[in-house]
Amino acid sequence: MIEVISLTKNYPGCRALDSISFKVDSGAMFAFLGPNGAGKTTTIKILTGILTPDSGEALINGISMIKDPVGAKKLCGYLPDTPMLFEKLTGMQYLNFIMDIFEVASGERPDRVNGLIDAFELGPHIDSIIESYSLGTRKKLGIVAAICHKPTVLFLDEPTSGLDPQSVRALKDTLKEMTGEGATVFFSTHILEVAEKICDRVAIIGSGRLVAEGSVDQLRARHNGAGTPAGALKSLEDIFLELTAKNPDNGPICMPA
């Protein structure tokens, strides 16, 4: 479970997050949507302990990422938009390094990674040096590294960028399996169709503030009039564009602090 309480983050001369609050239940798949510069990555970096907020609280299964970051990070997996990998290691060496950090017993490791290596078609590359990998292969290795220790909360920043259709399908199937086992999945994406199809809940952020939150059906109900014909119902993309158009400050420039 993730609980965000009045998170505020200022950068010199601007406010990136303005007292945002939301909750993501255990076993849920949650999409965090917004234009470039709206505050998505800042939020994820606070929730994963990379940044410290100026005020507010971030709880991971009840543990404060701000007051007890080590305890909270033990529960998390994280895939940044561009995975930062140790390029002089092989893929398997890197996965073992990650599992060393999370103290995964050596006897459990084959069961943890072999299925993922197959699902993401990493077998031909797993014993090669990472610096030889394509961008897509690096992304797939980053995904496997983020989930090989079985985190109870998983953060993914633009996880489908750079992936081929087969890998996108493998990712969807893996995330559904994780949430079915009780894990919480939080991801940002620009591909609204993916969020619409697989997410339990979505939140839309603009200029550092939440402008909408709920299930896709709830958002549709709010933004489609009663009696709207099925063929005329607004998609999540329609709703997103409508909400962000109402917030002209959305974009890479922060609002004044």
Protein backbone atom coordinates (compact mmCIF):
# COMPACT_ATOMS: atom_id res chain seq x y z
CA MET A 1 0.00 0.00 0.00
CA ILE A 2 1.11 3.54 -0.78
CA GLU A 3 -0.15 6.56 1.11
CA VAL A 4 0.79 10.09 0.07
CA ILE A 5 -0.14 12.89 2.46
CA SER A 6 0.18 16.56 1.47
CA LEU A 7 3.47 16.15 -0.40
CA THR A 8 5.06 19.46 -1.39
CA LYS A 9 8.33 19.89 -3.24
CA ASN A 10 9.96 23.18 -4.20
CA TYR A 11 12.85 23.78 -6.56
CA PRO A 12 14.62 27.15 -6.73
CA GLY A 13 12.01 29.62 -7.89
CA CYS A 14 9.19 27.15 -8.46
CA ARG A 15 6.92 24.57 -6.84
CA ALA A 16 6.95 21.12 -8.45
CA LEU A 17 4.38 19.49 -6.12
CA ASP A 18 1.66 21.40 -4.31
CA SER A 19 0.32 19.41 -1.35
CA ILE A 20 -0.79 16.29 -3.24
CA SER A 21 -2.49 13.42 -1.43
CA PHE A 22 -3.70 10.00 -2.57
CA LYS A 23 -3.75 6.35 -1.53
CA VAL A 24 -3.08 3.14 -3.47
CA ASP A 25 -4.34 -0.08 -1.91
CA SER A 26 -2.43 -3.36 -1.78
CA GLY A 27 -3.06 -5.46 -4.86
CA ALA A 28 -3.94 -2.43 -6.99
CA MET A 29 -2.49 -1.31 -10.30
CA PHE A 30 -2.33 2.50 -10.29
CA ALA A 31 -1.48 4.75 -13.23
CA PHE A 32 -0.07 8.22 -12.59
CA LEU A 33 -0.67 10.41 -15.63
CA GLY A 34 0.26 13.94 -16.58
CA PRO A 35 1.93 16.12 -19.22
CA ASN A 36 5.69 16.54 -19.30
CA GLY A 37 6.81 18.66 -16.37
CA ALA A 38 3.60 18.11 -14.40
CA GLY A 39 5.35 16.46 -11.42
CA LYS A 40 5.15 12.73 -12.17
CA THR A 41 8.84 11.92 -11.92
CA THR A 42 9.31 14.18 -8.89
CA THR A 43 6.54 12.25 -7.15
CA ILE A 44 8.08 8.88 -7.99
CA LYS A 45 11.52 10.02 -6.84
CA ILE A 46 10.07 11.06 -3.48
CA LEU A 47 8.15 7.79 -3.11
CA THR A 48 11.33 5.81 -3.83
CA GLY A 49 13.52 7.87 -1.48
CA ILE A 50 15.63 9.58 -4.15
CA LEU A 51 14.29 13.04 -3.30
CA THR A 52 13.13 14.45 0.02
CA PRO A 53 9.95 16.56 0.05
CA ASP A 54 9.80 19.96 1.69
CA SER A 55 6.72 18.84 3.60
CA GLY A 56 4.26 15.98 3.72
CA GLU A 57 4.54 12.23 4.20
CA ALA A 58 5.01 9.15 2.00
CA LEU A 59 4.19 5.75 3.51
CA ILE A 60 5.07 2.38 1.99
CA ASN A 61 3.01 -0.34 3.70
CA GLY A 62 2.85 2.01 6.68
CA ILE A 63 6.61 2.70 6.79
CA SER A 64 7.71 6.29 6.24
CA MET A 65 10.00 6.75 3.25
CA ILE A 66 11.07 10.03 4.85
CA LYS A 67 11.69 8.88 8.43
CA ASP A 68 12.78 5.28 7.74
CA PRO A 69 13.98 5.20 4.12
CA VAL A 70 16.00 2.00 4.52
CA GLY A 71 13.03 0.12 5.94
CA ALA A 72 10.70 1.43 3.24
CA LYS A 73 13.12 0.78 0.37
CA LYS A 74 13.41 -2.88 1.36
CA LEU A 75 9.79 -3.26 0.26
CA CYS A 76 10.17 -1.54 -3.11
CA GLY A 77 11.22 -2.17 -6.67
CA TYR A 78 11.93 0.75 -8.99
CA LEU A 79 12.38 1.14 -12.73
CA PRO A 80 13.36 4.67 -13.82
CA ASP A 81 12.54 5.89 -17.31
CA THR A 82 16.17 5.25 -18.31
CA PRO A 83 17.56 2.33 -16.26
CA MET A 84 20.95 3.02 -14.68
CA LEU A 85 22.86 -0.24 -15.11
CA PHE A 86 26.43 -1.31 -14.38
CA GLU A 87 27.59 -1.70 -17.96
CA LYS A 88 30.74 -3.73 -17.26
CA LEU A 89 28.69 -6.55 -15.71
CA THR A 90 26.82 -9.22 -17.60
CA GLY A 91 23.05 -9.21 -17.30
CA MET A 92 23.11 -12.18 -14.92
CA GLN A 93 25.84 -10.64 -12.79
CA TYR A 94 23.73 -7.51 -12.48
CA LEU A 95 20.64 -9.46 -11.43
CA ASN A 96 22.69 -11.33 -8.83
CA PHE A 97 24.02 -8.00 -7.58
CA ILE A 98 20.46 -6.74 -7.10
CA MET A 99 19.45 -9.93 -5.32
CA ASP A 100 22.54 -9.62 -3.09
CA ILE A 101 21.33 -6.17 -2.03
CA PHE A 102 17.89 -7.53 -1.16
CA GLU A 103 19.38 -10.63 0.50
CA VAL A 104 17.64 -13.16 -1.72
CA ALA A 105 18.89 -16.65 -0.80
CA SER A 106 21.02 -18.24 -3.53
CA GLY A 107 18.76 -21.29 -3.65
CA GLU A 108 15.74 -19.14 -4.46
CA ARG A 109 17.34 -17.16 -7.27
CA PRO A 110 16.79 -19.51 -10.23
CA ASP A 111 13.06 -19.62 -9.52
CA ARG A 112 13.00 -15.84 -9.22
CA VAL A 113 14.70 -14.99 -12.50
CA ASN A 114 14.51 -17.86 -14.99
CA GLY A 115 10.85 -17.35 -15.83
CA LEU A 116 11.36 -13.60 -16.17
CA ILE A 117 14.39 -14.07 -18.42
CA ASP A 118 12.29 -16.29 -20.67
CA ALA A 119 9.24 -14.01 -20.60
CA PHE A 120 11.28 -10.99 -21.68
CA GLU A 121 13.42 -12.98 -24.14
CA LEU A 122 16.67 -12.10 -22.40
CA GLY A 123 18.20 -15.56 -22.71
CA PRO A 124 20.48 -14.78 -25.68
CA HIS A 125 21.84 -11.69 -23.91
CA ILE A 126 21.91 -12.55 -20.21
CA ASP A 127 25.59 -13.63 -20.17
CA SER A 128 26.77 -10.72 -22.34
CA ILE A 129 28.20 -7.44 -21.05
CA ILE A 130 25.45 -4.87 -20.55
CA GLU A 131 27.28 -2.20 -22.57
CA SER A 132 26.59 -4.34 -25.65
CA TYR A 133 22.82 -4.24 -25.08
CA SER A 134 20.35 -2.29 -27.21
CA LEU A 135 18.13 0.27 -25.48
CA GLY A 136 15.21 -2.15 -25.52
CA THR A 137 17.26 -4.96 -24.00
CA ARG A 138 18.51 -2.62 -21.28
CA LYS A 139 14.91 -1.70 -20.49
CA LYS A 140 13.92 -5.35 -20.23
CA LEU A 141 16.85 -6.09 -17.92
CA GLY A 142 15.83 -3.10 -15.80
CA ILE A 143 12.31 -4.49 -15.50
CA VAL A 144 13.57 -7.91 -14.40
CA ALA A 145 15.95 -6.28 -11.91
CA ALA A 146 13.09 -4.24 -10.44
CA ILE A 147 10.95 -7.28 -9.73
CA CYS A 148 13.35 -10.21 -9.21
CA HIS A 149 13.39 -9.72 -5.43
CA LYS A 150 9.56 -9.83 -5.29
CA PRO A 151 8.86 -6.31 -4.01
CA THR A 152 5.53 -5.67 -2.35
CA VAL A 153 5.41 -2.19 -3.93
CA LEU A 154 6.68 -1.59 -7.47
CA PHE A 155 7.32 1.82 -9.07
CA LEU A 156 7.70 2.07 -12.85
CA ASP A 157 8.44 5.30 -14.71
CA GLU A 158 7.39 4.98 -18.38
CA PRO A 159 7.89 1.19 -18.35
CA THR A 160 6.68 0.54 -21.90
CA SER A 161 8.94 3.06 -23.67
CA GLY A 162 11.46 1.26 -25.86
CA LEU A 163 9.72 -2.11 -25.62
CA ASP A 164 8.52 -4.21 -28.54
CA PRO A 165 4.89 -5.47 -28.51
CA GLN A 166 5.86 -8.91 -27.19
CA SER A 167 7.69 -7.36 -24.24
CA VAL A 168 4.78 -5.00 -23.52
CA ARG A 169 2.51 -8.05 -23.34
CA ALA A 170 4.99 -9.83 -21.06
CA LEU A 171 5.09 -6.77 -18.82
CA LYS A 172 1.29 -6.58 -18.60
CA ASP A 173 1.06 -10.27 -17.74
CA THR A 174 3.80 -9.97 -15.11
CA LEU A 175 2.17 -6.95 -13.46
CA LYS A 176 -1.21 -8.66 -13.35
CA GLU A 177 0.40 -11.69 -11.72
CA MET A 178 2.10 -9.48 -9.13
CA THR A 179 -1.08 -7.61 -8.20
CA GLY A 180 -2.92 -10.92 -8.05
CA GLU A 181 -0.45 -11.93 -5.35
CA GLY A 182 -1.08 -8.71 -3.41
CA ALA A 183 1.69 -6.41 -4.66
CA THR A 184 1.00 -2.74 -5.36
CA VAL A 185 2.03 -1.41 -8.78
CA PHE A 186 2.45 2.33 -9.39
CA PHE A 187 3.46 3.51 -12.83
CA SER A 188 3.56 6.57 -15.00
CA THR A 189 2.96 6.31 -18.71
CA HIS A 190 2.24 8.41 -21.77
CA ILE A 191 0.39 5.49 -23.37
CA LEU A 192 -3.08 6.09 -21.98
CA GLU A 193 -4.54 3.03 -23.70
CA VAL A 194 -2.32 0.81 -21.53
CA ALA A 195 -3.48 2.54 -18.35
CA GLU A 196 -7.12 2.33 -19.46
CA LYS A 197 -6.94 -1.40 -20.09
CA ILE A 198 -5.01 -2.70 -17.09
CA CYS A 199 -5.28 -0.20 -14.22
CA ASP A 200 -7.67 -0.31 -11.29
CA ARG A 201 -7.28 3.39 -10.60
CA VAL A 202 -5.67 6.41 -12.23
CA ALA A 203 -4.63 9.86 -11.07
CA ILE A 204 -3.97 12.82 -13.34
CA ILE A 205 -1.51 15.50 -12.22
CA GLY A 206 -1.09 18.96 -13.70
CA SER A 207 1.20 21.75 -12.56
CA GLY A 208 2.01 19.85 -9.38
CA ARG A 209 -1.62 19.34 -8.35
CA LEU A 210 -3.95 16.38 -8.70
CA VAL A 211 -6.74 17.26 -11.12
CA ALA A 212 -8.52 13.87 -11.09
CA GLU A 213 -8.39 10.51 -9.35
CA GLY A 214 -10.51 7.38 -9.49
CA SER A 215 -11.22 4.28 -11.53
CA VAL A 216 -11.53 4.68 -15.29
CA ASP A 217 -15.28 4.04 -14.94
CA GLN A 218 -15.55 6.74 -12.27
CA LEU A 219 -13.71 9.25 -14.44
CA ARG A 220 -15.93 8.40 -17.38
CA ALA A 221 -19.05 8.85 -15.25
CA ARG A 222 -17.87 12.29 -14.16
CA HIS A 223 -17.01 13.43 -17.67
CA ASN A 224 -19.78 11.83 -19.72
CA GLY A 225 -23.30 13.14 -19.42
CA ALA A 226 -26.17 10.90 -18.36
CA GLY A 227 -27.54 8.96 -21.30
CA THR A 228 -24.45 9.40 -23.47
CA PRO A 229 -24.57 6.72 -26.21
CA ALA A 230 -21.98 3.98 -25.77
CA GLY A 231 -20.30 4.92 -29.03
CA ALA A 232 -19.86 8.51 -27.84
CA LEU A 233 -18.37 7.79 -24.42
CA LYS A 234 -15.10 9.61 -23.78
CA SER A 235 -11.97 7.51 -23.52
CA LEU A 236 -9.34 8.04 -20.86
CA GLU A 237 -7.33 9.90 -23.50
CA ASP A 238 -10.27 12.25 -24.16
CA ILE A 239 -10.69 12.90 -20.44
CA PHE A 240 -6.95 13.45 -19.96
CA LEU A 241 -6.77 15.97 -22.80
CA GLU A 242 -9.87 17.77 -21.54
CA LEU A 243 -8.55 18.05 -17.98
CA THR A 244 -5.06 19.13 -18.97
CA ALA A 245 -6.46 21.65 -21.46
CA LYS A 246 -8.29 23.25 -18.53
CA ASN A 247 -4.92 23.65 -16.81
CA PRO A 248 -2.92 25.79 -19.26
CA ASP A 249 0.02 26.01 -16.87
CA ASN A 250 0.75 22.32 -17.46
CA GLY A 251 4.19 21.95 -18.93
CA PRO A 252 7.85 22.01 -18.08
CA ILE A 253 7.73 25.35 -16.25
CA CYS A 254 6.95 25.09 -12.54
CA MET A 255 4.56 27.52 -10.91
CA PRO A 256 6.14 30.08 -8.54
CA ALA A 257 6.83 28.82 -5.03
